N, C-alpha and C. Protein backbone atom coordinates (compact mmCIF):
# COMPACT_ATOMS: atom_id res chain seq x y z
N MET A 1 -8.94 -17.63 -15.96
CA MET A 1 -7.77 -17.45 -16.82
C MET A 1 -6.96 -18.73 -16.95
N GLY A 2 -7.17 -19.66 -16.06
CA GLY A 2 -6.47 -20.92 -16.17
C GLY A 2 -5.01 -20.85 -15.76
N LEU A 3 -4.71 -20.06 -14.75
CA LEU A 3 -3.32 -19.95 -14.31
C LEU A 3 -2.93 -21.06 -13.35
N GLY A 4 -3.90 -21.82 -12.89
CA GLY A 4 -3.61 -22.93 -12.00
C GLY A 4 -3.07 -22.46 -10.66
N GLU A 5 -1.92 -23.00 -10.26
CA GLU A 5 -1.33 -22.66 -8.96
C GLU A 5 -0.82 -21.22 -8.91
N ALA A 6 -0.58 -20.62 -10.05
CA ALA A 6 -0.10 -19.24 -10.07
C ALA A 6 -1.19 -18.25 -9.68
N GLN A 7 -2.43 -18.71 -9.62
CA GLN A 7 -3.54 -17.83 -9.24
C GLN A 7 -3.32 -17.25 -7.84
N GLY A 8 -2.80 -18.04 -6.92
CA GLY A 8 -2.54 -17.55 -5.57
C GLY A 8 -1.48 -16.47 -5.55
N VAL A 9 -0.45 -16.63 -6.37
CA VAL A 9 0.60 -15.61 -6.46
C VAL A 9 0.02 -14.33 -7.03
N ARG A 10 -0.84 -14.47 -8.00
CA ARG A 10 -1.48 -13.29 -8.62
C ARG A 10 -2.26 -12.50 -7.57
N TRP A 11 -3.06 -13.20 -6.76
CA TRP A 11 -3.86 -12.51 -5.75
C TRP A 11 -2.98 -11.94 -4.64
N ALA A 12 -1.90 -12.62 -4.31
CA ALA A 12 -0.98 -12.09 -3.31
C ALA A 12 -0.37 -10.78 -3.78
N LEU A 13 0.00 -10.71 -5.03
CA LEU A 13 0.57 -9.47 -5.58
C LEU A 13 -0.47 -8.35 -5.62
N ILE A 14 -1.68 -8.69 -5.98
CA ILE A 14 -2.75 -7.67 -6.03
C ILE A 14 -3.01 -7.12 -4.63
N VAL A 15 -3.14 -8.01 -3.65
CA VAL A 15 -3.44 -7.58 -2.28
C VAL A 15 -2.30 -6.76 -1.70
N SER A 16 -1.06 -7.21 -1.91
CA SER A 16 0.07 -6.45 -1.37
C SER A 16 0.20 -5.09 -2.05
N SER A 17 -0.12 -5.01 -3.32
CA SER A 17 -0.10 -3.72 -4.02
C SER A 17 -1.16 -2.79 -3.45
N LEU A 18 -2.32 -3.33 -3.15
CA LEU A 18 -3.38 -2.50 -2.56
C LEU A 18 -2.98 -1.98 -1.18
N PHE A 19 -2.34 -2.84 -0.37
CA PHE A 19 -1.87 -2.38 0.94
C PHE A 19 -0.83 -1.27 0.77
N GLY A 20 0.05 -1.41 -0.20
CA GLY A 20 1.05 -0.37 -0.46
C GLY A 20 0.40 0.93 -0.89
N LEU A 21 -0.62 0.83 -1.72
CA LEU A 21 -1.32 2.02 -2.17
C LEU A 21 -2.05 2.71 -1.02
N ILE A 22 -2.67 1.92 -0.16
CA ILE A 22 -3.35 2.49 1.01
C ILE A 22 -2.34 3.18 1.92
N ALA A 23 -1.19 2.55 2.15
CA ALA A 23 -0.16 3.15 2.99
C ALA A 23 0.33 4.45 2.38
N PHE A 24 0.51 4.49 1.05
CA PHE A 24 0.94 5.71 0.39
C PHE A 24 -0.06 6.84 0.60
N VAL A 25 -1.34 6.53 0.43
CA VAL A 25 -2.38 7.55 0.60
C VAL A 25 -2.40 8.07 2.03
N LEU A 26 -2.28 7.18 3.00
CA LEU A 26 -2.31 7.61 4.40
C LEU A 26 -1.10 8.48 4.75
N PHE A 27 0.09 8.09 4.27
CA PHE A 27 1.27 8.93 4.51
C PHE A 27 1.15 10.27 3.80
N TRP A 28 0.55 10.28 2.60
CA TRP A 28 0.38 11.52 1.87
C TRP A 28 -0.58 12.45 2.61
N LEU A 29 -1.62 11.87 3.19
CA LEU A 29 -2.57 12.69 3.95
C LEU A 29 -1.96 13.20 5.25
N ALA A 30 -1.02 12.46 5.82
CA ALA A 30 -0.43 12.83 7.11
C ALA A 30 0.82 13.68 6.97
N ARG A 31 1.20 14.03 5.74
CA ARG A 31 2.49 14.73 5.53
C ARG A 31 2.58 16.05 6.28
N LYS A 32 1.48 16.77 6.39
CA LYS A 32 1.52 18.07 7.07
C LYS A 32 1.78 17.90 8.56
N THR A 33 1.06 16.98 9.20
CA THR A 33 1.24 16.81 10.64
C THR A 33 2.60 16.18 10.95
N ILE A 34 3.10 15.32 10.06
CA ILE A 34 4.42 14.74 10.30
C ILE A 34 5.49 15.85 10.25
N ARG A 35 5.38 16.75 9.29
CA ARG A 35 6.32 17.85 9.19
C ARG A 35 6.25 18.73 10.43
N GLU A 36 5.05 19.03 10.92
CA GLU A 36 4.88 19.85 12.13
C GLU A 36 5.44 19.14 13.35
N ASP A 37 5.26 17.83 13.46
CA ASP A 37 5.76 17.08 14.60
C ASP A 37 7.29 17.05 14.60
N MET A 38 7.92 16.99 13.46
CA MET A 38 9.36 16.94 13.38
C MET A 38 9.98 18.29 13.78
N VAL A 39 9.29 19.39 13.50
CA VAL A 39 9.82 20.73 13.81
C VAL A 39 9.71 20.99 15.31
N SER A 40 8.60 20.58 15.90
CA SER A 40 8.38 20.88 17.33
C SER A 40 9.05 19.88 18.26
């Protein structure tokens, strides 16, 4: 694409977004046990 030095920023944003998405999915999957742990 010819972004030059901005290419690193682009990849940093992509990678950090993927980590955020993975964290969201893991918290979503754990929502039931988190709710049970808070009650007990």
